[in-house]
Amino acid sequence: MKLIGRKLLLMGSKAFRARKLPVQIRKKMDEAIDRKMKIIVGEVPGSCKLFQDYLKSKKYKNVVVGHAKSIRYNAGDWKTKQYGNNVSEREHNMIKACDSAIIIWQDNSGVIAENLEILKRVGKPTFLYEYYSKTGKGKAGWLDEKRLYDKYWYWKQSKKSKSHRVQK
């Protein structure tokens, strides 16, 4: 599998507090930079700060910082775009806007787990770095089509479908 299309989403856990991005992530980002992909990145502390700092260190300009109501971080003074009025709306719309994604997921965070399920189900190639703070270990690879990332996915979907039936 590989990154496809013209727009790459960078998203990740705000709890990720490494001093620099994992080598595997930097290599994938370098591929995107070499291909001159438009990069959509979040503005949350943690993973997104690291993504932005790396892009700034590369002097990369083709970046859009996605936000909901306000911008918390914009390392490169790049263009900004409001993708929604709340975190969920912002992240769902950023996922819709991309062709491929690179995600950092720490300690099976629920918000990122849901985003991984969405990316998997809409078939967008996603390079994933999973990090576990208890062990200090991480692993990288492509999203697994057979794996259930969000253990509450089916329950959430049943709640959504019931609320849609009630509204009609």
C-alpha atoms as a PDB file:
ATOM      1  CA  MET A   1       0.000   0.000   0.000  1.00  0.00           C
ATOM      2  CA  LYS A   2       1.114   3.615  -0.472  1.00  0.00           C
ATOM      3  CA  LEU A   3      -0.032   7.199  -0.096  1.00  0.00           C
ATOM      4  CA  ILE A   4      -2.334   8.152  -2.960  1.00  0.00           C
ATOM      5  CA  GLY A   5      -3.935  11.297  -4.311  1.00  0.00           C
ATOM      6  CA  ARG A   6      -3.017  14.930  -3.820  1.00  0.00           C
ATOM      7  CA  LYS A   7      -4.196  15.595  -0.234  1.00  0.00           C
ATOM      8  CA  LEU A   8      -2.675  14.062   2.879  1.00  0.00           C
ATOM      9  CA  LEU A   9      -4.191  14.269   6.359  1.00  0.00           C
ATOM     10  CA  LEU A  10      -1.910  14.300   9.407  1.00  0.00           C
ATOM     11  CA  MET A  11      -3.784  13.570  12.621  1.00  0.00           C
ATOM     12  CA  GLY A  12      -2.990  12.065  15.992  1.00  0.00           C
ATOM     13  CA  SER A  13      -3.380  11.752  19.717  1.00  0.00           C
ATOM     14  CA  LYS A  14      -2.862  14.893  21.736  1.00  0.00           C
ATOM     15  CA  ALA A  15      -1.359  12.741  24.507  1.00  0.00           C
ATOM     16  CA  PHE A  16       1.622  11.835  22.282  1.00  0.00           C
ATOM     17  CA  ARG A  17       4.514  13.702  23.932  1.00  0.00           C
ATOM     18  CA  ALA A  18       7.612  12.439  22.099  1.00  0.00           C
ATOM     19  CA  ARG A  19      10.314  15.015  21.416  1.00  0.00           C
ATOM     20  CA  LYS A  20      10.333  14.178  17.709  1.00  0.00           C
ATOM     21  CA  LEU A  21       8.342  12.174  15.211  1.00  0.00           C
ATOM     22  CA  PRO A  22       9.114   8.469  14.789  1.00  0.00           C
ATOM     23  CA  VAL A  23      11.428   7.725  11.846  1.00  0.00           C
ATOM     24  CA  GLN A  24       8.697   5.763  10.015  1.00  0.00           C
ATOM     25  CA  ILE A  25       6.374   8.796  10.138  1.00  0.00           C
ATOM     26  CA  ARG A  26       9.090  11.191   8.963  1.00  0.00           C
ATOM     27  CA  LYS A  27       9.818   8.909   5.976  1.00  0.00           C
ATOM     28  CA  LYS A  28       6.129   8.865   4.942  1.00  0.00           C
ATOM     29  CA  MET A  29       5.893  12.639   5.369  1.00  0.00           C
ATOM     30  CA  ASP A  30       9.031  13.044   3.234  1.00  0.00           C
ATOM     31  CA  GLU A  31       7.336  10.968   0.503  1.00  0.00           C
ATOM     32  CA  ALA A  32       4.358  13.339   0.613  1.00  0.00           C
ATOM     33  CA  ILE A  33       6.637  16.386   0.507  1.00  0.00           C
ATOM     34  CA  ASP A  34       8.544  14.929  -2.473  1.00  0.00           C
ATOM     35  CA  ARG A  35       5.208  14.408  -4.241  1.00  0.00           C
ATOM     36  CA  LYS A  36       4.186  18.000  -3.371  1.00  0.00           C
ATOM     37  CA  MET A  37       0.978  16.790  -1.726  1.00  0.00           C
ATOM     38  CA  LYS A  38      -1.263  19.328  -0.030  1.00  0.00           C
ATOM     39  CA  ILE A  39      -1.021  18.551   3.675  1.00  0.00           C
ATOM     40  CA  ILE A  40      -3.983  19.040   5.984  1.00  0.00           C
ATOM     41  CA  VAL A  41      -2.865  19.025   9.613  1.00  0.00           C
ATOM     42  CA  GLY A  42      -4.610  19.596  12.919  1.00  0.00           C
ATOM     43  CA  GLU A  43      -3.671  22.232  15.476  1.00  0.00           C
ATOM     44  CA  VAL A  44      -3.905  20.247  18.698  1.00  0.00           C
ATOM     45  CA  PRO A  45      -0.900  19.847  21.035  1.00  0.00           C
ATOM     46  CA  GLY A  46       0.863  16.488  20.902  1.00  0.00           C
ATOM     47  CA  SER A  47       1.012  14.739  17.527  1.00  0.00           C
ATOM     48  CA  CYS A  48      -0.159  17.708  15.473  1.00  0.00           C
ATOM     49  CA  LYS A  49       2.443  20.000  17.031  1.00  0.00           C
ATOM     50  CA  LEU A  50       5.152  17.489  16.069  1.00  0.00           C
ATOM     51  CA  PHE A  51       3.752  17.180  12.533  1.00  0.00           C
ATOM     52  CA  GLN A  52       3.728  20.967  12.156  1.00  0.00           C
ATOM     53  CA  ASP A  53       7.201  21.440  13.627  1.00  0.00           C
ATOM     54  CA  TYR A  54       8.575  18.864  11.183  1.00  0.00           C
ATOM     55  CA  LEU A  55       6.862  20.518   8.201  1.00  0.00           C
ATOM     56  CA  LYS A  56       8.246  23.885   9.296  1.00  0.00           C
ATOM     57  CA  SER A  57      11.765  22.415   9.629  1.00  0.00           C
ATOM     58  CA  LYS A  58      11.425  21.238   6.012  1.00  0.00           C
ATOM     59  CA  LYS A  59      10.220  24.740   4.990  1.00  0.00           C
ATOM     60  CA  TYR A  60       7.186  23.082   3.403  1.00  0.00           C
ATOM     61  CA  LYS A  61       4.526  25.565   2.286  1.00  0.00           C
ATOM     62  CA  ASN A  62       1.667  23.462   0.865  1.00  0.00           C
ATOM     63  CA  VAL A  63      -0.020  23.106   4.268  1.00  0.00           C
ATOM     64  CA  VAL A  64      -3.472  23.900   5.614  1.00  0.00           C
ATOM     65  CA  VAL A  65      -4.085  23.919   9.364  1.00  0.00           C
ATOM     66  CA  GLY A  66      -7.561  22.569  10.065  1.00  0.00           C
ATOM     67  CA  HIS A  67      -9.482  23.774  13.084  1.00  0.00           C
ATOM     68  CA  ALA A  68     -12.924  23.992  14.648  1.00  0.00           C
ATOM     69  CA  LYS A  69     -13.587  27.259  16.486  1.00  0.00           C
ATOM     70  CA  SER A  70     -10.050  28.519  17.070  1.00  0.00           C
ATOM     71  CA  ILE A  71      -6.421  27.878  16.195  1.00  0.00           C
ATOM     72  CA  ARG A  72      -4.193  26.684  19.018  1.00  0.00           C
ATOM     73  CA  TYR A  73      -1.031  26.169  17.004  1.00  0.00           C
ATOM     74  CA  ASN A  74       0.223  27.179  13.556  1.00  0.00           C
ATOM     75  CA  ALA A  75       4.008  26.731  13.438  1.00  0.00           C
ATOM     76  CA  GLY A  76       4.458  27.824   9.824  1.00  0.00           C
ATOM     77  CA  ASP A  77       1.923  30.637   9.634  1.00  0.00           C
ATOM     78  CA  TRP A  78       0.169  28.544   6.973  1.00  0.00           C
ATOM     79  CA  LYS A  79      -3.332  28.959   5.593  1.00  0.00           C
ATOM     80  CA  THR A  80      -6.075  27.868   7.966  1.00  0.00           C
ATOM     81  CA  LYS A  81      -9.504  26.383   7.351  1.00  0.00           C
ATOM     82  CA  GLN A  82     -12.416  25.832   9.691  1.00  0.00           C
ATOM     83  CA  TYR A  83     -13.581  22.262   9.068  1.00  0.00           C
ATOM     84  CA  GLY A  84     -16.426  22.341  11.585  1.00  0.00           C
ATOM     85  CA  ASN A  85     -17.821  23.868  14.752  1.00  0.00           C
ATOM     86  CA  ASN A  86     -16.656  21.112  17.105  1.00  0.00           C
ATOM     87  CA  VAL A  87     -13.918  18.476  17.286  1.00  0.00           C
ATOM     88  CA  SER A  88     -16.000  15.630  15.867  1.00  0.00           C
ATOM     89  CA  GLU A  89     -17.278  17.686  12.930  1.00  0.00           C
ATOM     90  CA  ARG A  90     -13.772  19.046  12.262  1.00  0.00           C
ATOM     91  CA  GLU A  91     -12.180  15.606  12.203  1.00  0.00           C
ATOM     92  CA  HIS A  92     -14.902  14.018  10.059  1.00  0.00           C
ATOM     93  CA  ASN A  93     -14.645  16.846   7.515  1.00  0.00           C
ATOM     94  CA  MET A  94     -10.849  16.680   7.452  1.00  0.00           C
ATOM     95  CA  ILE A  95     -11.134  12.941   6.749  1.00  0.00           C
ATOM     96  CA  LYS A  96     -13.576  13.652   3.888  1.00  0.00           C
ATOM     97  CA  ALA A  97     -11.141  16.205   2.424  1.00  0.00           C
ATOM     98  CA  CYS A  98      -8.105  13.897   2.266  1.00  0.00           C
ATOM     99  CA  ASP A  99      -7.017  11.149  -0.131  1.00  0.00           C
ATOM    100  CA  SER A 100      -4.567   9.462   2.280  1.00  0.00           C
ATOM    101  CA  ALA A 101      -3.669   9.831   5.959  1.00  0.00           C
ATOM    102  CA  ILE A 102      -0.870   9.423   8.466  1.00  0.00           C
ATOM    103  CA  ILE A 103      -2.110   8.895  12.019  1.00  0.00           C
ATOM    104  CA  ILE A 104      -0.391   8.648  15.411  1.00  0.00           C
ATOM    105  CA  TRP A 105      -2.516   6.680  17.886  1.00  0.00           C
ATOM    106  CA  GLN A 106      -1.523   6.516  21.540  1.00  0.00           C
ATOM    107  CA  ASP A 107      -2.907   4.034  24.081  1.00  0.00           C
ATOM    108  CA  ASN A 108      -5.935   3.116  21.940  1.00  0.00           C
ATOM    109  CA  SER A 109      -7.487   6.577  22.343  1.00  0.00           C
ATOM    110  CA  GLY A 110     -11.209   6.457  21.556  1.00  0.00           C
ATOM    111  CA  VAL A 111     -11.384   9.570  19.371  1.00  0.00           C
ATOM    112  CA  ILE A 112      -8.571   8.374  17.115  1.00  0.00           C
ATOM    113  CA  ALA A 113     -10.019   4.833  17.119  1.00  0.00           C
ATOM    114  CA  GLU A 114     -13.268   6.168  15.628  1.00  0.00           C
ATOM    115  CA  ASN A 115     -11.327   8.150  13.011  1.00  0.00           C
ATOM    116  CA  LEU A 116      -9.367   5.015  12.072  1.00  0.00           C
ATOM    117  CA  GLU A 117     -12.628   3.118  11.553  1.00  0.00           C
ATOM    118  CA  ILE A 118     -13.937   5.885   9.305  1.00  0.00           C
ATOM    119  CA  LEU A 119     -10.714   6.014   7.262  1.00  0.00           C
ATOM    120  CA  LYS A 120     -10.743   2.223   6.921  1.00  0.00           C
ATOM    121  CA  ARG A 121     -14.401   2.063   5.897  1.00  0.00           C
ATOM    122  CA  VAL A 122     -14.085   4.792   3.247  1.00  0.00           C
ATOM    123  CA  GLY A 123     -10.973   3.077   1.888  1.00  0.00           C
ATOM    124  CA  LYS A 124      -8.418   5.847   2.354  1.00  0.00           C
ATOM    125  CA  PRO A 125      -4.854   4.497   2.614  1.00  0.00           C
ATOM    126  CA  THR A 126      -3.727   5.241   6.160  1.00  0.00           C
ATOM    127  CA  PHE A 127      -0.270   4.815   7.617  1.00  0.00           C
ATOM    128  CA  LEU A 128      -0.592   4.249  11.357  1.00  0.00           C
ATOM    129  CA  TYR A 129       1.883   4.614  14.191  1.00  0.00           C
ATOM    130  CA  GLU A 130       0.593   2.981  17.394  1.00  0.00           C
ATOM    131  CA  TYR A 131       2.323   3.993  20.603  1.00  0.00           C
ATOM    132  CA  TYR A 132       1.868   2.521  24.086  1.00  0.00           C
ATOM    133  CA  SER A 133       2.992   4.784  26.929  1.00  0.00           C
ATOM    134  CA  LYS A 134       3.247   1.942  29.479  1.00  0.00           C
ATOM    135  CA  THR A 135       5.905   0.139  27.447  1.00  0.00           C
ATOM    136  CA  GLY A 136       7.323   3.146  25.597  1.00  0.00           C
ATOM    137  CA  LYS A 137       7.082   1.104  22.403  1.00  0.00           C
ATOM    138  CA  GLY A 138       5.521   1.922  19.068  1.00  0.00           C
ATOM    139  CA  LYS A 139       4.842   0.097  15.834  1.00  0.00           C
ATOM    140  CA  ALA A 140       4.099   1.366  12.363  1.00  0.00           C
ATOM    141  CA  GLY A 141       2.208  -0.028   9.415  1.00  0.00           C
ATOM    142  CA  TRP A 142      -0.796   0.349   7.163  1.00  0.00           C
ATOM    143  CA  LEU A 143      -4.354   0.182   8.491  1.00  0.00           C
ATOM    144  CA  ASP A 144      -5.536  -3.422   8.685  1.00  0.00           C
ATOM    145  CA  GLU A 145      -8.860  -3.870   6.863  1.00  0.00           C
ATOM    146  CA  LYS A 146      -9.789  -6.806   9.124  1.00  0.00           C
ATOM    147  CA  ARG A 147      -9.000  -5.174  12.462  1.00  0.00           C
ATOM    148  CA  LEU A 148     -11.639  -3.426  14.564  1.00  0.00           C
ATOM    149  CA  TYR A 149      -9.931  -0.288  15.898  1.00  0.00           C
ATOM    150  CA  ASP A 150     -12.918   1.139  17.779  1.00  0.00           C
ATOM    151  CA  LYS A 151     -14.435  -1.498  20.058  1.00  0.00           C
ATOM    152  CA  TYR A 152     -17.578   0.662  20.384  1.00  0.00           C
ATOM    153  CA  TRP A 153     -18.013   1.195  16.621  1.00  0.00           C
ATOM    154  CA  TYR A 154     -21.082  -1.029  16.150  1.00  0.00           C
ATOM    155  CA  TRP A 155     -22.738   0.265  19.315  1.00  0.00           C
ATOM    156  CA  LYS A 156     -22.203   3.888  18.165  1.00  0.00           C
ATOM    157  CA  GLN A 157     -23.602   3.065  14.727  1.00  0.00           C
ATOM    158  CA  SER A 158     -26.715   1.471  16.254  1.00  0.00           C
ATOM    159  CA  LYS A 159     -27.258   4.602  18.391  1.00  0.00           C
ATOM    160  CA  LYS A 160     -26.913   6.823  15.319  1.00  0.00           C
ATOM    161  CA  SER A 161     -29.364   4.764  13.272  1.00  0.00           C
ATOM    162  CA  LYS A 162     -31.909   4.773  16.131  1.00  0.00           C
ATOM    163  CA  SER A 163     -31.653   8.552  16.488  1.00  0.00           C
ATOM    164  CA  HIS A 164     -32.152   8.970  12.711  1.00  0.00           C
ATOM    165  CA  ARG A 165     -35.292   6.797  12.863  1.00  0.00           C
ATOM    166  CA  VAL A 166     -36.661   8.858  15.774  1.00  0.00           C
ATOM    167  CA  GLN A 167     -36.032  12.154  13.950  1.00  0.00           C
ATOM    168  CA  LYS A 168     -37.968  11.078  10.829  1.00  0.00           C
END
